[in-house]
PDB file of N, CA and C in Angstrom:
ATOM      1  N   MET A   1      -0.472   3.954 -23.962  1.00  0.00           N
ATOM      2  CA  MET A   1      -1.860   4.220 -23.640  1.00  0.00           C
ATOM      3  C   MET A   1      -2.299   3.265 -22.526  1.00  0.00           C
ATOM      4  N   THR A   2      -2.873   3.815 -21.460  1.00  0.00           N
ATOM      5  CA  THR A   2      -3.339   2.984 -20.361  1.00  0.00           C
ATOM      6  C   THR A   2      -4.718   2.427 -20.687  1.00  0.00           C
ATOM      7  N   ALA A   3      -5.129   1.439 -19.920  1.00  0.00           N
ATOM      8  CA  ALA A   3      -6.451   0.850 -20.131  1.00  0.00           C
ATOM      9  C   ALA A   3      -7.543   1.899 -19.948  1.00  0.00           C
ATOM     10  N   LEU A   4      -7.370   2.803 -18.975  1.00  0.00           N
ATOM     11  CA  LEU A   4      -8.382   3.829 -18.739  1.00  0.00           C
ATOM     12  C   LEU A   4      -8.444   4.828 -19.881  1.00  0.00           C
ATOM     13  N   SER A   5      -7.289   5.186 -20.469  1.00  0.00           N
ATOM     14  CA  SER A   5      -7.304   6.165 -21.543  1.00  0.00           C
ATOM     15  C   SER A   5      -7.885   5.586 -22.822  1.00  0.00           C
ATOM     16  N   ALA A   6      -7.996   4.277 -22.912  1.00  0.00           N
ATOM     17  CA  ALA A   6      -8.546   3.630 -24.100  1.00  0.00           C
ATOM     18  C   ALA A   6     -10.066   3.480 -24.034  1.00  0.00           C
ATOM     19  N   LEU A   7     -10.683   3.888 -22.952  1.00  0.00           N
ATOM     20  CA  LEU A   7     -12.134   3.745 -22.819  1.00  0.00           C
ATOM     21  C   LEU A   7     -12.848   4.728 -23.743  1.00  0.00           C
ATOM     22  N   PRO A   8     -14.030   4.362 -24.252  1.00  0.00           N
ATOM     23  CA  PRO A   8     -14.712   5.179 -25.252  1.00  0.00           C
ATOM     24  C   PRO A   8     -15.551   6.325 -24.672  1.00  0.00           C
ATOM     25  N   PHE A   9     -14.880   7.328 -24.115  1.00  0.00           N
ATOM     26  CA  PHE A   9     -15.577   8.531 -23.663  1.00  0.00           C
ATOM     27  C   PHE A   9     -14.609   9.708 -23.651  1.00  0.00           C
ATOM     28  N   SER A  10     -15.175  10.908 -23.693  1.00  0.00           N
ATOM     29  CA  SER A  10     -14.377  12.130 -23.634  1.00  0.00           C
ATOM     30  C   SER A  10     -14.129  12.513 -22.191  1.00  0.00           C
ATOM     31  N   LYS A  11     -12.983  13.111 -21.923  1.00  0.00           N
ATOM     32  CA  LYS A  11     -12.671  13.596 -20.576  1.00  0.00           C
ATOM     33  C   LYS A  11     -13.464  14.862 -20.271  1.00  0.00           C
ATOM     34  N   ILE A  12     -13.652  15.715 -21.302  1.00  0.00           N
ATOM     35  CA  ILE A  12     -14.397  16.962 -21.137  1.00  0.00           C
ATOM     36  C   ILE A  12     -15.093  17.296 -22.446  1.00  0.00           C
ATOM     37  N   ARG A  13     -16.323  17.797 -22.344  1.00  0.00           N
ATOM     38  CA  ARG A  13     -17.092  18.253 -23.505  1.00  0.00           C
ATOM     39  C   ARG A  13     -17.726  19.585 -23.164  1.00  0.00           C
ATOM     40  N   LEU A  14     -17.707  20.502 -24.116  1.00  0.00           N
ATOM     41  CA  LEU A  14     -18.327  21.809 -23.966  1.00  0.00           C
ATOM     42  C   LEU A  14     -19.621  21.838 -24.761  1.00  0.00           C
ATOM     43  N   ALA A  15     -20.706  22.284 -24.121  1.00  0.00           N
ATOM     44  CA  ALA A  15     -22.000  22.372 -24.799  1.00  0.00           C
ATOM     45  C   ALA A  15     -22.916  23.301 -24.019  1.00  0.00           C
ATOM     46  N   ALA A  16     -23.677  24.106 -24.735  1.00  0.00           N
ATOM     47  CA  ALA A  16     -24.724  24.951 -24.137  1.00  0.00           C
ATOM     48  C   ALA A  16     -24.206  25.804 -22.977  1.00  0.00           C
ATOM     49  N   GLY A  17     -22.993  26.342 -23.120  1.00  0.00           N
ATOM     50  CA  GLY A  17     -22.444  27.215 -22.093  1.00  0.00           C
ATOM     51  C   GLY A  17     -21.936  26.484 -20.864  1.00  0.00           C
ATOM     52  N   LEU A  18     -21.776  25.157 -20.962  1.00  0.00           N
ATOM     53  CA  LEU A  18     -21.324  24.356 -19.830  1.00  0.00           C
ATOM     54  C   LEU A  18     -20.163  23.460 -20.238  1.00  0.00           C
ATOM     55  N   ALA A  19     -19.360  23.081 -19.269  1.00  0.00           N
ATOM     56  CA  ALA A  19     -18.294  22.092 -19.457  1.00  0.00           C
ATOM     57  C   ALA A  19     -18.682  20.862 -18.656  1.00  0.00           C
ATOM     58  N   PHE A  20     -18.800  19.744 -19.325  1.00  0.00           N
ATOM     59  CA  PHE A  20     -19.166  18.484 -18.692  1.00  0.00           C
ATOM     60  C   PHE A  20     -17.912  17.629 -18.586  1.00  0.00           C
ATOM     61  N   LEU A  21     -17.555  17.216 -17.373  1.00  0.00           N
ATOM     62  CA  LEU A  21     -16.385  16.371 -17.170  1.00  0.00           C
ATOM     63  C   LEU A  21     -16.816  14.963 -16.815  1.00  0.00           C
ATOM     64  N   SER A  22     -16.146  14.002 -17.419  1.00  0.00           N
ATOM     65  CA  SER A  22     -16.377  12.609 -17.055  1.00  0.00           C
ATOM     66  C   SER A  22     -15.906  12.385 -15.629  1.00  0.00           C
ATOM     67  N   GLY A  23     -16.356  11.305 -15.030  1.00  0.00           N
ATOM     68  CA  GLY A  23     -15.923  10.972 -13.682  1.00  0.00           C
ATOM     69  C   GLY A  23     -14.413  10.859 -13.598  1.00  0.00           C
ATOM     70  N   GLU A  24     -13.857  11.408 -12.547  1.00  0.00           N
ATOM     71  CA  GLU A  24     -12.409  11.379 -12.304  1.00  0.00           C
ATOM     72  C   GLU A  24     -12.157  10.556 -11.066  1.00  0.00           C
ATOM     73  N   MET A  25     -11.070   9.785 -11.114  1.00  0.00           N
ATOM     74  CA  MET A  25     -10.695   8.938  -9.978  1.00  0.00           C
ATOM     75  C   MET A  25      -9.289   9.324  -9.506  1.00  0.00           C
ATOM     76  N   PRO A  26      -8.911   8.874  -8.323  1.00  0.00           N
ATOM     77  CA  PRO A  26      -7.652   9.327  -7.703  1.00  0.00           C
ATOM     78  C   PRO A  26      -6.400   8.582  -8.160  1.00  0.00           C
ATOM     79  N   PHE A  27      -6.155   8.556  -9.461  1.00  0.00           N
ATOM     80  CA  PHE A  27      -4.946   7.914  -9.969  1.00  0.00           C
ATOM     81  C   PHE A  27      -3.815   8.929 -10.054  1.00  0.00           C
ATOM     82  N   ALA A  28      -2.704   8.643  -9.405  1.00  0.00           N
ATOM     83  CA  ALA A  28      -1.515   9.486  -9.503  1.00  0.00           C
ATOM     84  C   ALA A  28      -0.893   9.287 -10.884  1.00  0.00           C
ATOM     85  N   ALA A  29       0.076  10.125 -11.239  1.00  0.00           N
ATOM     86  CA  ALA A  29       0.725  10.046 -12.554  1.00  0.00           C
ATOM     87  C   ALA A  29       1.322   8.665 -12.829  1.00  0.00           C
ATOM     88  N   ASP A  30       1.781   7.993 -11.781  1.00  0.00           N
ATOM     89  CA  ASP A  30       2.381   6.658 -11.955  1.00  0.00           C
ATOM     90  C   ASP A  30       1.353   5.534 -11.917  1.00  0.00           C
ATOM     91  N   GLY A  31       0.048   5.889 -11.840  1.00  0.00           N
ATOM     92  CA  GLY A  31      -1.011   4.891 -11.823  1.00  0.00           C
ATOM     93  C   GLY A  31      -1.405   4.413 -10.442  1.00  0.00           C
ATOM     94  N   SER A  32      -0.660   4.841  -9.432  1.00  0.00           N
ATOM     95  CA  SER A  32      -0.990   4.432  -8.059  1.00  0.00           C
ATOM     96  C   SER A  32      -2.165   5.238  -7.522  1.00  0.00           C
ATOM     97  N   ILE A  33      -2.741   4.749  -6.441  1.00  0.00           N
ATOM     98  CA  ILE A  33      -3.843   5.428  -5.759  1.00  0.00           C
ATOM     99  C   ILE A  33      -3.421   5.626  -4.313  1.00  0.00           C
ATOM    100  N   PRO A  34      -3.468   6.870  -3.809  1.00  0.00           N
ATOM    101  CA  PRO A  34      -3.073   7.085  -2.415  1.00  0.00           C
ATOM    102  C   PRO A  34      -4.043   6.414  -1.451  1.00  0.00           C
ATOM    103  N   GLU A  35      -3.573   6.136  -0.252  1.00  0.00           N
ATOM    104  CA  GLU A  35      -4.441   5.531   0.769  1.00  0.00           C
ATOM    105  C   GLU A  35      -5.270   6.592   1.449  1.00  0.00           C
ATOM    106  N   GLY A  36      -6.470   6.241   1.818  1.00  0.00           N
ATOM    107  CA  GLY A  36      -7.336   7.110   2.607  1.00  0.00           C
ATOM    108  C   GLY A  36      -8.205   8.015   1.761  1.00  0.00           C
ATOM    109  N   ILE A  37      -9.402   8.249   2.243  1.00  0.00           N
ATOM    110  CA  ILE A  37     -10.376   9.038   1.496  1.00  0.00           C
ATOM    111  C   ILE A  37      -9.962  10.496   1.371  1.00  0.00           C
ATOM    112  N   ALA A  38      -9.314  11.072   2.383  1.00  0.00           N
ATOM    113  CA  ALA A  38      -8.903  12.476   2.284  1.00  0.00           C
ATOM    114  C   ALA A  38      -7.897  12.655   1.150  1.00  0.00           C
ATOM    115  N   ALA A  39      -6.866  11.832   1.111  1.00  0.00           N
ATOM    116  CA  ALA A  39      -5.853  11.932   0.060  1.00  0.00           C
ATOM    117  C   ALA A  39      -6.475  11.662  -1.308  1.00  0.00           C
ATOM    118  N   GLN A  40      -7.379  10.700  -1.394  1.00  0.00           N
ATOM    119  CA  GLN A  40      -8.016  10.397  -2.663  1.00  0.00           C
ATOM    120  C   GLN A  40      -8.926  11.535  -3.119  1.00  0.00           C
ATOM    121  N   THR A  41      -9.612  12.173  -2.188  1.00  0.00           N
ATOM    122  CA  THR A  41     -10.467  13.312  -2.524  1.00  0.00           C
ATOM    123  C   THR A  41      -9.632  14.462  -3.048  1.00  0.00           C
ATOM    124  N   HIS A  42      -8.559  14.812  -2.325  1.00  0.00           N
ATOM    125  CA  HIS A  42      -7.701  15.917  -2.761  1.00  0.00           C
ATOM    126  C   HIS A  42      -7.130  15.642  -4.152  1.00  0.00           C
ATOM    127  N   LEU A  43      -6.614  14.454  -4.392  1.00  0.00           N
ATOM    128  CA  LEU A  43      -6.020  14.124  -5.682  1.00  0.00           C
ATOM    129  C   LEU A  43      -7.068  14.166  -6.796  1.00  0.00           C
ATOM    130  N   THR A  44      -8.249  13.630  -6.538  1.00  0.00           N
ATOM    131  CA  THR A  44      -9.307  13.639  -7.546  1.00  0.00           C
ATOM    132  C   THR A  44      -9.690  15.068  -7.910  1.00  0.00           C
ATOM    133  N   LEU A  45      -9.844  15.925  -6.922  1.00  0.00           N
ATOM    134  CA  LEU A  45     -10.215  17.316  -7.200  1.00  0.00           C
ATOM    135  C   LEU A  45      -9.065  18.079  -7.860  1.00  0.00           C
ATOM    136  N   GLU A  46      -7.829  17.749  -7.557  1.00  0.00           N
ATOM    137  CA  GLU A  46      -6.688  18.358  -8.248  1.00  0.00           C
ATOM    138  C   GLU A  46      -6.688  17.944  -9.719  1.00  0.00           C
ATOM    139  N   ARG A  47      -7.015  16.697  -9.994  1.00  0.00           N
ATOM    140  CA  ARG A  47      -7.088  16.219 -11.381  1.00  0.00           C
ATOM    141  C   ARG A  47      -8.239  16.909 -12.128  1.00  0.00           C
ATOM    142  N   ILE A  48      -9.360  17.115 -11.449  1.00  0.00           N
ATOM    143  CA  ILE A  48     -10.481  17.835 -12.056  1.00  0.00           C
ATOM    144  C   ILE A  48     -10.070  19.271 -12.342  1.00  0.00           C
ATOM    145  N   ALA A  49      -9.404  19.915 -11.396  1.00  0.00           N
ATOM    146  CA  ALA A  49      -8.944  21.297 -11.598  1.00  0.00           C
ATOM    147  C   ALA A  49      -8.016  21.386 -12.812  1.00  0.00           C
ATOM    148  N   ALA A  50      -7.146  20.414 -12.991  1.00  0.00           N
ATOM    149  CA  ALA A  50      -6.227  20.409 -14.127  1.00  0.00           C
ATOM    150  C   ALA A  50      -6.999  20.267 -15.446  1.00  0.00           C
ATOM    151  N   THR A  51      -8.020  19.430 -15.468  1.00  0.00           N
ATOM    152  CA  THR A  51      -8.835  19.279 -16.682  1.00  0.00           C
ATOM    153  C   THR A  51      -9.597  20.559 -16.975  1.00  0.00           C
ATOM    154  N   LEU A  52     -10.175  21.165 -15.949  1.00  0.00           N
ATOM    155  CA  LEU A  52     -10.868  22.445 -16.135  1.00  0.00           C
ATOM    156  C   LEU A  52      -9.924  23.504 -16.684  1.00  0.00           C
ATOM    157  N   ALA A  53      -8.704  23.527 -16.187  1.00  0.00           N
ATOM    158  CA  ALA A  53      -7.717  24.534 -16.607  1.00  0.00           C
ATOM    159  C   ALA A  53      -7.427  24.444 -18.106  1.00  0.00           C
ATOM    160  N   THR A  54      -7.582  23.273 -18.713  1.00  0.00           N
ATOM    161  CA  THR A  54      -7.341  23.151 -20.155  1.00  0.00           C
ATOM    162  C   THR A  54      -8.332  23.994 -20.959  1.00  0.00           C
ATOM    163  N   GLU A  55      -9.442  24.363 -20.343  1.00  0.00           N
ATOM    164  CA  GLU A  55     -10.452  25.209 -20.990  1.00  0.00           C
ATOM    165  C   GLU A  55     -10.537  26.583 -20.331  1.00  0.00           C
ATOM    166  N   GLY A  56      -9.523  26.950 -19.540  1.00  0.00           N
ATOM    167  CA  GLY A  56      -9.510  28.255 -18.885  1.00  0.00           C
ATOM    168  C   GLY A  56     -10.480  28.362 -17.729  1.00  0.00           C
ATOM    169  N   LEU A  57     -10.836  27.232 -17.139  1.00  0.00           N
ATOM    170  CA  LEU A  57     -11.798  27.195 -16.040  1.00  0.00           C
ATOM    171  C   LEU A  57     -11.106  26.769 -14.745  1.00  0.00           C
ATOM    172  N   ALA A  58     -11.818  26.932 -13.625  1.00  0.00           N
ATOM    173  CA  ALA A  58     -11.306  26.557 -12.307  1.00  0.00           C
ATOM    174  C   ALA A  58     -12.428  25.907 -11.511  1.00  0.00           C
ATOM    175  N   LEU A  59     -12.085  25.375 -10.351  1.00  0.00           N
ATOM    176  CA  LEU A  59     -13.107  24.775  -9.492  1.00  0.00           C
ATOM    177  C   LEU A  59     -14.192  25.780  -9.117  1.00  0.00           C
ATOM    178  N   SER A  60     -13.865  27.055  -9.085  1.00  0.00           N
ATOM    179  CA  SER A  60     -14.866  28.080  -8.759  1.00  0.00           C
ATOM    180  C   SER A  60     -15.947  28.187  -9.836  1.00  0.00           C
ATOM    181  N   ASP A  61     -15.703  27.620 -11.016  1.00  0.00           N
ATOM    182  CA  ASP A  61     -16.699  27.618 -12.090  1.00  0.00           C
ATOM    183  C   ASP A  61     -17.636  26.415 -12.019  1.00  0.00           C
ATOM    184  N   VAL A  62     -17.361  25.468 -11.129  1.00  0.00           N
ATOM    185  CA  VAL A  62     -18.169  24.253 -11.015  1.00  0.00           C
ATOM    186  C   VAL A  62     -19.530  24.600 -10.409  1.00  0.00           C
ATOM    187  N   VAL A  63     -20.597  24.119 -11.069  1.00  0.00           N
ATOM    188  CA  VAL A  63     -21.954  24.374 -10.579  1.00  0.00           C
ATOM    189  C   VAL A  63     -22.640  23.112 -10.068  1.00  0.00           C
ATOM    190  N   SER A  64     -22.128  21.945 -10.474  1.00  0.00           N
ATOM    191  CA  SER A  64     -22.755  20.687 -10.066  1.00  0.00           C
ATOM    192  C   SER A  64     -21.687  19.608  -9.905  1.00  0.00           C
ATOM    193  N   VAL A  65     -21.821  18.812  -8.845  1.00  0.00           N
ATOM    194  CA  VAL A  65     -20.866  17.748  -8.536  1.00  0.00           C
ATOM    195  C   VAL A  65     -21.633  16.468  -8.219  1.00  0.00           C
ATOM    196  N   ASN A  66     -21.195  15.362  -8.818  1.00  0.00           N
ATOM    197  CA  ASN A  66     -21.720  14.043  -8.471  1.00  0.00           C
ATOM    198  C   ASN A  66     -20.566  13.241  -7.895  1.00  0.00           C
ATOM    199  N   VAL A  67     -20.761  12.729  -6.691  1.00  0.00           N
ATOM    200  CA  VAL A  67     -19.711  12.005  -5.975  1.00  0.00           C
ATOM    201  C   VAL A  67     -20.167  10.568  -5.751  1.00  0.00           C
ATOM    202  N   PHE A  68     -19.249   9.643  -5.984  1.00  0.00           N
ATOM    203  CA  PHE A  68     -19.506   8.224  -5.756  1.00  0.00           C
ATOM    204  C   PHE A  68     -18.479   7.725  -4.755  1.00  0.00           C
ATOM    205  N   LEU A  69     -18.944   7.263  -3.613  1.00  0.00           N
ATOM    206  CA  LEU A  69     -18.082   6.731  -2.557  1.00  0.00           C
ATOM    207  C   LEU A  69     -18.299   5.230  -2.427  1.00  0.00           C
ATOM    208  N   THR A  70     -17.256   4.517  -2.055  1.00  0.00           N
ATOM    209  CA  THR A  70     -17.416   3.077  -1.846  1.00  0.00           C
ATOM    210  C   THR A  70     -17.795   2.733  -0.412  1.00  0.00           C
ATOM    211  N   HIS A  71     -17.491   3.627   0.522  1.00  0.00           N
ATOM    212  CA  HIS A  71     -17.746   3.341   1.942  1.00  0.00           C
ATOM    213  C   HIS A  71     -18.491   4.520   2.578  1.00  0.00           C
ATOM    214  N   LYS A  72     -19.696   4.279   3.056  1.00  0.00           N
ATOM    215  CA  LYS A  72     -20.467   5.372   3.665  1.00  0.00           C
ATOM    216  C   LYS A  72     -19.764   5.941   4.889  1.00  0.00           C
ATOM    217  N   GLU A  73     -18.898   5.143   5.529  1.00  0.00           N
ATOM    218  CA  GLU A  73     -18.186   5.678   6.692  1.00  0.00           C
ATOM    219  C   GLU A  73     -17.122   6.694   6.307  1.00  0.00           C
ATOM    220  N   ASP A  74     -16.831   6.841   5.010  1.00  0.00           N
ATOM    221  CA  ASP A  74     -15.892   7.856   4.518  1.00  0.00           C
ATOM    222  C   ASP A  74     -16.541   9.225   4.360  1.00  0.00           C
ATOM    223  N   PHE A  75     -17.855   9.316   4.510  1.00  0.00           N
ATOM    224  CA  PHE A  75     -18.589  10.536   4.192  1.00  0.00           C
ATOM    225  C   PHE A  75     -18.071  11.757   4.945  1.00  0.00           C
ATOM    226  N   ALA A  76     -17.878  11.668   6.234  1.00  0.00           N
ATOM    227  CA  ALA A  76     -17.435  12.824   7.023  1.00  0.00           C
ATOM    228  C   ALA A  76     -16.029  13.278   6.609  1.00  0.00           C
ATOM    229  N   ALA A  77     -15.104  12.344   6.472  1.00  0.00           N
ATOM    230  CA  ALA A  77     -13.739  12.695   6.076  1.00  0.00           C
ATOM    231  C   ALA A  77     -13.707  13.221   4.645  1.00  0.00           C
ATOM    232  N   PHE A  78     -14.536  12.658   3.784  1.00  0.00           N
ATOM    233  CA  PHE A  78     -14.653  13.181   2.421  1.00  0.00           C
ATOM    234  C   PHE A  78     -15.119  14.624   2.454  1.00  0.00           C
ATOM    235  N   ASN A  79     -16.186  14.920   3.204  1.00  0.00           N
ATOM    236  CA  ASN A  79     -16.721  16.281   3.280  1.00  0.00           C
ATOM    237  C   ASN A  79     -15.667  17.268   3.750  1.00  0.00           C
ATOM    238  N   GLU A  80     -14.887  16.869   4.725  1.00  0.00           N
ATOM    239  CA  GLU A  80     -13.830  17.737   5.250  1.00  0.00           C
ATOM    240  C   GLU A  80     -12.800  18.061   4.170  1.00  0.00           C
ATOM    241  N   ALA A  81     -12.358  17.058   3.436  1.00  0.00           N
ATOM    242  CA  ALA A  81     -11.379  17.267   2.360  1.00  0.00           C
ATOM    243  C   ALA A  81     -12.000  18.054   1.201  1.00  0.00           C
ATOM    244  N   TYR A  82     -13.225  17.744   0.854  1.00  0.00           N
ATOM    245  CA  TYR A  82     -13.939  18.407  -0.236  1.00  0.00           C
ATOM    246  C   TYR A  82     -14.080  19.900   0.037  1.00  0.00           C
ATOM    247  N   ALA A  83     -14.431  20.256   1.260  1.00  0.00           N
ATOM    248  CA  ALA A  83     -14.687  21.650   1.629  1.00  0.00           C
ATOM    249  C   ALA A  83     -13.482  22.554   1.407  1.00  0.00           C
ATOM    250  N   VAL A  84     -12.290  22.006   1.443  1.00  0.00           N
ATOM    251  CA  VAL A  84     -11.063  22.788   1.225  1.00  0.00           C
ATOM    252  C   VAL A  84     -11.025  23.345  -0.197  1.00  0.00           C
ATOM    253  N   HIS A  85     -11.670  22.684  -1.140  1.00  0.00           N
ATOM    254  CA  HIS A  85     -11.551  23.020  -2.559  1.00  0.00           C
ATOM    255  C   HIS A  85     -12.656  23.931  -3.093  1.00  0.00           C
ATOM    256  N   PHE A  86     -13.707  24.160  -2.325  1.00  0.00           N
ATOM    257  CA  PHE A  86     -14.830  24.957  -2.815  1.00  0.00           C
ATOM    258  C   PHE A  86     -15.191  26.066  -1.840  1.00  0.00           C
ATOM    259  N   ALA A  87     -15.640  27.198  -2.403  1.00  0.00           N
ATOM    260  CA  ALA A  87     -16.085  28.343  -1.609  1.00  0.00           C
ATOM    261  C   ALA A  87     -17.465  28.756  -2.110  1.00  0.00           C
ATOM    262  N   ASP A  88     -18.102  29.664  -1.397  1.00  0.00           N
ATOM    263  CA  ASP A  88     -19.418  30.163  -1.800  1.00  0.00           C
ATOM    264  C   ASP A  88     -19.316  30.926  -3.109  1.00  0.00           C
ATOM    265  N   PRO A  89     -20.251  30.791  -4.003  1.00  0.00           N
ATOM    266  CA  PRO A  89     -21.407  29.909  -3.877  1.00  0.00           C
ATOM    267  C   PRO A  89     -21.010  28.460  -4.163  1.00  0.00           C
ATOM    268  N   LEU A  90     -21.358  27.585  -3.249  1.00  0.00           N
ATOM    269  CA  LEU A  90     -21.013  26.172  -3.391  1.00  0.00           C
ATOM    270  C   LEU A  90     -21.807  25.536  -4.535  1.00  0.00           C
ATOM    271  N   PRO A  91     -21.195  24.577  -5.243  1.00  0.00           N
ATOM    272  CA  PRO A  91     -21.953  23.870  -6.277  1.00  0.00           C
ATOM    273  C   PRO A  91     -23.001  22.956  -5.649  1.00  0.00           C
ATOM    274  N   VAL A  92     -24.036  22.643  -6.412  1.00  0.00           N
ATOM    275  CA  VAL A  92     -24.986  21.624  -5.954  1.00  0.00           C
ATOM    276  C   VAL A  92     -24.259  20.289  -5.998  1.00  0.00           C
ATOM    277  N   ARG A  93     -24.727  19.320  -5.202  1.00  0.00           N
ATOM    278  CA  ARG A  93     -23.990  18.055  -5.133  1.00  0.00           C
ATOM    279  C   ARG A  93     -24.920  16.901  -4.814  1.00  0.00           C
ATOM    280  N   ALA A  94     -24.617  15.759  -5.411  1.00  0.00           N
ATOM    281  CA  ALA A  94     -25.247  14.486  -5.060  1.00  0.00           C
ATOM    282  C   ALA A  94     -24.120  13.537  -4.681  1.00  0.00           C
ATOM    283  N   THR A  95     -24.326  12.753  -3.624  1.00  0.00           N
ATOM    284  CA  THR A  95     -23.328  11.781  -3.181  1.00  0.00           C
ATOM    285  C   THR A  95     -24.025  10.440  -2.998  1.00  0.00           C
ATOM    286  N   VAL A  96     -23.471   9.403  -3.627  1.00  0.00           N
ATOM    287  CA  VAL A  96     -24.034   8.067  -3.502  1.00  0.00           C
ATOM    288  C   VAL A  96     -22.930   7.071  -3.162  1.00  0.00           C
ATOM    289  N   CYS A  97     -23.306   5.988  -2.523  1.00  0.00           N
ATOM    290  CA  CYS A  97     -22.365   4.900  -2.245  1.00  0.00           C
ATOM    291  C   CYS A  97     -22.562   3.818  -3.303  1.00  0.00           C
ATOM    292  N   THR A  98     -21.450   3.332  -3.836  1.00  0.00           N
ATOM    293  CA  THR A  98     -21.484   2.344  -4.905  1.00  0.00           C
ATOM    294  C   THR A  98     -20.163   1.611  -4.958  1.00  0.00           C
ATOM    295  N   GLU A  99     -20.033   0.638  -5.841  1.00  0.00           N
ATOM    296  CA  GLU A  99     -18.763  -0.047  -6.043  1.00  0.00           C
ATOM    297  C   GLU A  99     -17.991   0.675  -7.141  1.00  0.00           C
ATOM    298  N   LEU A 100     -16.678   0.763  -6.982  1.00  0.00           N
ATOM    299  CA  LEU A 100     -15.802   1.403  -7.952  1.00  0.00           C
ATOM    300  C   LEU A 100     -14.656   0.480  -8.288  1.00  0.00           C
ATOM    301  N   VAL A 101     -13.764   0.980  -9.127  1.00  0.00           N
ATOM    302  CA  VAL A 101     -12.546   0.235  -9.449  1.00  0.00           C
ATOM    303  C   VAL A 101     -11.668   0.210  -8.204  1.00  0.00           C
ATOM    304  N   ALA A 102     -11.419  -0.969  -7.648  1.00  0.00           N
ATOM    305  CA  ALA A 102     -10.594  -1.085  -6.445  1.00  0.00           C
ATOM    306  C   ALA A 102      -9.158  -0.748  -6.789  1.00  0.00           C
ATOM    307  N   PRO A 103      -8.405  -0.120  -5.937  1.00  0.00           N
ATOM    308  CA  PRO A 103      -8.719   0.280  -4.573  1.00  0.00           C
ATOM    309  C   PRO A 103      -9.237   1.712  -4.452  1.00  0.00           C
ATOM    310  N   ALA A 104      -9.685   2.310  -5.554  1.00  0.00           N
ATOM    311  CA  ALA A 104     -10.253   3.661  -5.467  1.00  0.00           C
ATOM    312  C   ALA A 104     -11.480   3.648  -4.570  1.00  0.00           C
ATOM    313  N   ARG A 105     -11.595   4.684  -3.740  1.00  0.00           N
ATOM    314  CA  ARG A 105     -12.739   4.799  -2.835  1.00  0.00           C
ATOM    315  C   ARG A 105     -13.664   5.925  -3.250  1.00  0.00           C
ATOM    316  N   ILE A 106     -13.298   6.630  -4.366  1.00  0.00           N
ATOM    317  CA  ILE A 106     -14.083   7.793  -4.774  1.00  0.00           C
ATOM    318  C   ILE A 106     -13.985   8.012  -6.274  1.00  0.00           C
ATOM    319  N   GLU A 107     -15.073   8.531  -6.837  1.00  0.00           N
ATOM    320  CA  GLU A 107     -15.094   9.042  -8.206  1.00  0.00           C
ATOM    321  C   GLU A 107     -15.938  10.305  -8.167  1.00  0.00           C
ATOM    322  N   ILE A 108     -15.508  11.341  -8.888  1.00  0.00           N
ATOM    323  CA  ILE A 108     -16.226  12.615  -8.891  1.00  0.00           C
ATOM    324  C   ILE A 108     -16.397  13.067 -10.337  1.00  0.00           C
ATOM    325  N   ALA A 109     -17.618  13.479 -10.694  1.00  0.00           N
ATOM    326  CA  ALA A 109     -17.909  14.075 -11.988  1.00  0.00           C
ATOM    327  C   ALA A 109     -18.484  15.462 -11.741  1.00  0.00           C
ATOM    328  N   VAL A 110     -18.125  16.441 -12.580  1.00  0.00           N
ATOM    329  CA  VAL A 110     -18.600  17.808 -12.376  1.00  0.00           C
ATOM    330  C   VAL A 110     -19.123  18.409 -13.671  1.00  0.00           C
ATOM    331  N   VAL A 111     -19.922  19.470 -13.501  1.00  0.00           N
ATOM    332  CA  VAL A 111     -20.359  20.339 -14.584  1.00  0.00           C
ATOM    333  C   VAL A 111     -19.952  21.738 -14.179  1.00  0.00           C
ATOM    334  N   ALA A 112     -19.311  22.463 -15.103  1.00  0.00           N
ATOM    335  CA  ALA A 112     -18.870  23.831 -14.826  1.00  0.00           C
ATOM    336  C   ALA A 112     -19.489  24.778 -15.832  1.00  0.00           C
ATOM    337  N   ALA A 113     -19.725  26.016 -15.411  1.00  0.00           N
ATOM    338  CA  ALA A 113     -20.246  27.051 -16.303  1.00  0.00           C
ATOM    339  C   ALA A 113     -19.075  27.683 -17.043  1.00  0.00           C
ATOM    340  N   LEU A 114     -19.226  27.840 -18.362  1.00  0.00           N
ATOM    341  CA  LEU A 114     -18.192  28.486 -19.152  1.00  0.00           C
ATOM    342  C   LEU A 114     -18.187  29.980 -18.861  1.00  0.00           C
ATOM    343  N   ARG A 115     -17.038  30.589 -18.961  1.00  0.00           N
ATOM    344  CA  ARG A 115     -16.922  32.040 -18.717  1.00  0.00           C
ATOM    345  C   ARG A 115     -17.232  32.804 -20.000  1.00  0.00           C
ATOM    346  N   GLY A 116     -17.808  33.997 -19.805  1.00  0.00           N
ATOM    347  CA  GLY A 116     -18.017  34.881 -20.949  1.00  0.00           C
ATOM    348  C   GLY A 116     -19.195  34.570 -21.672  1.00  0.00           C
TER     349      GLY A 116
END
């Protein structure tokens, strides 16, 4: 069990027709974090997609996204990488700059609508 997996929160919870995902960070399977905001964004969204898939959902079901960046100068490159993963209708989104677990430069939390 890793230190992160021992934290007291659920990775995903279903309630009121929605799936709420805890913040996801760009940790690879071996615990490493890729360099650069684009690679970290892609990995984080791939990890979110995998969690959604456990409930039969996909990124296309996401209705709300909260993004936390450590460097405001990453915003443009983040947007470019983020746009690859979402299509219309785009989810609503809030993006803030804050401190995170180093060397991660991003954390993303989403809410998805359940199907059916």
